[in-house]
């Protein structure tokens, strides 16, 4: 159940946007503290072109599984290795694809 979530971070960190799009269901929705990104194409465009920083790395500290999906606790690191912020991502998964994501930050 957590394989799609781990692949999600790898694809973003490596700029592999084709693989990222393949992970997401067409109706994927990302709810985050500053906005909601509705739809796979909109989300991938944001990740590719609109993020404030693209040279980042996700460090996964813990993974929690349930029947509905998976939650990941981690930290987003800047290019110099410093921590930008901590996060908890709650993924909804169906048929091996990510259907939704809610991000909580501190």
Protein backbone atom coordinates (compact mmCIF):
# COMPACT_ATOMS: atom_id res chain seq x y z
CA UNK A 1 0.00 0.00 0.00
CA UNK A 2 2.85 2.46 0.66
CA UNK A 3 4.69 1.81 -2.65
CA UNK A 4 2.76 4.51 -4.57
CA UNK A 5 3.50 7.05 -1.84
CA UNK A 6 7.22 6.27 -1.88
CA UNK A 7 7.25 6.46 -5.68
CA UNK A 8 5.45 9.83 -5.44
CA UNK A 9 8.38 11.33 -3.49
CA UNK A 10 10.99 9.76 -5.76
CA UNK A 11 9.29 11.11 -8.87
CA UNK A 12 9.03 14.65 -7.45
CA UNK A 13 12.57 14.70 -6.06
CA UNK A 14 14.04 13.45 -9.36
CA UNK A 15 11.80 15.59 -11.58
CA UNK A 16 10.31 12.48 -13.19
CA UNK A 17 6.95 14.09 -14.04
CA UNK A 18 5.86 11.35 -16.45
CA UNK A 19 6.18 8.78 -13.66
CA UNK A 20 4.39 11.17 -11.30
CA UNK A 21 1.47 11.51 -13.73
CA UNK A 22 1.29 7.71 -14.09
CA UNK A 23 0.87 7.37 -10.29
CA UNK A 24 -2.10 9.70 -10.12
CA UNK A 25 -5.72 8.96 -10.92
CA UNK A 26 -7.23 11.46 -13.40
CA UNK A 27 -9.39 13.01 -10.65
CA UNK A 28 -6.49 13.36 -8.19
CA UNK A 29 -6.95 16.26 -5.73
CA UNK A 30 -4.24 17.74 -3.51
CA UNK A 31 -5.46 19.74 -0.50
CA UNK A 32 -2.65 21.72 1.07
CA UNK A 33 -2.53 24.62 3.54
CA UNK A 34 -2.17 27.30 0.85
CA UNK A 35 -4.35 25.91 -2.00
CA UNK A 36 -6.20 23.00 -3.57
CA UNK A 37 -4.91 21.52 -6.82
CA UNK A 38 -7.75 19.78 -8.62
CA UNK A 39 -6.92 17.17 -11.29
CA UNK A 40 -3.84 15.20 -12.29
CA UNK A 41 -2.74 17.61 -15.06
CA UNK A 42 -3.10 20.67 -12.81
CA UNK A 43 -1.09 19.00 -10.05
CA UNK A 44 1.73 17.88 -12.35
CA UNK A 45 1.91 21.36 -13.94
CA UNK A 46 2.24 22.91 -10.48
CA UNK A 47 5.01 20.49 -9.51
CA UNK A 48 6.87 20.99 -12.77
CA UNK A 49 6.53 24.77 -13.24
CA UNK A 50 5.03 26.60 -10.28
CA UNK A 51 6.59 25.34 -7.04
CA UNK A 52 8.56 27.94 -5.11
CA UNK A 53 11.58 25.60 -4.96
CA UNK A 54 12.18 22.54 -7.11
CA UNK A 55 15.62 21.51 -5.84
CA UNK A 56 14.29 19.77 -2.73
CA UNK A 57 14.34 16.30 -1.20
CA UNK A 58 11.64 14.56 0.81
CA UNK A 59 12.96 12.68 3.84
CA UNK A 60 10.46 10.07 5.02
CA UNK A 61 10.56 9.50 8.79
CA UNK A 62 7.50 7.25 9.28
CA UNK A 63 4.79 5.54 7.24
CA UNK A 64 1.36 4.65 8.64
CA UNK A 65 -0.94 2.32 6.69
CA UNK A 66 -4.71 1.88 6.83
CA UNK A 67 -7.35 0.28 4.64
CA UNK A 68 -8.11 3.68 3.06
CA UNK A 69 -4.57 4.73 2.27
CA UNK A 70 -1.28 5.72 3.82
CA UNK A 71 0.06 8.61 5.88
CA UNK A 72 3.67 9.70 5.64
CA UNK A 73 5.50 11.84 8.20
CA UNK A 74 8.61 13.54 6.96
CA UNK A 75 10.66 16.64 6.27
CA UNK A 76 11.27 18.67 3.12
CA UNK A 77 14.94 19.54 2.75
CA UNK A 78 16.40 22.35 0.68
CA UNK A 79 19.30 21.80 -1.74
CA UNK A 80 21.83 22.62 1.01
CA UNK A 81 20.33 19.91 3.26
CA UNK A 82 18.63 22.28 5.68
CA UNK A 83 15.08 21.52 6.73
CA UNK A 84 12.49 23.75 5.11
CA UNK A 85 9.49 22.29 6.98
CA UNK A 86 8.02 19.13 8.44
CA UNK A 87 4.93 17.54 6.92
CA UNK A 88 2.37 14.79 7.20
CA UNK A 89 0.90 13.66 3.88
CA UNK A 90 -2.27 11.59 3.92
CA UNK A 91 -2.68 9.70 0.64
CA UNK A 92 -5.88 8.09 -0.59
CA UNK A 93 -5.16 5.07 -2.77
CA UNK A 94 -7.41 2.99 -5.04
CA UNK A 95 -6.31 0.27 -7.43
CA UNK A 96 -2.64 1.14 -6.88
CA UNK A 97 -3.06 4.80 -7.91
CA UNK A 98 -3.13 7.92 -5.79
CA UNK A 99 -6.61 9.46 -5.84
CA UNK A 100 -6.04 12.23 -3.33
CA UNK A 101 -3.58 13.81 -0.96
CA UNK A 102 -3.99 16.08 2.05
CA UNK A 103 -0.82 17.77 3.28
CA UNK A 104 -0.35 19.13 6.80
CA UNK A 105 2.75 21.23 7.56
CA UNK A 106 4.38 22.74 10.59
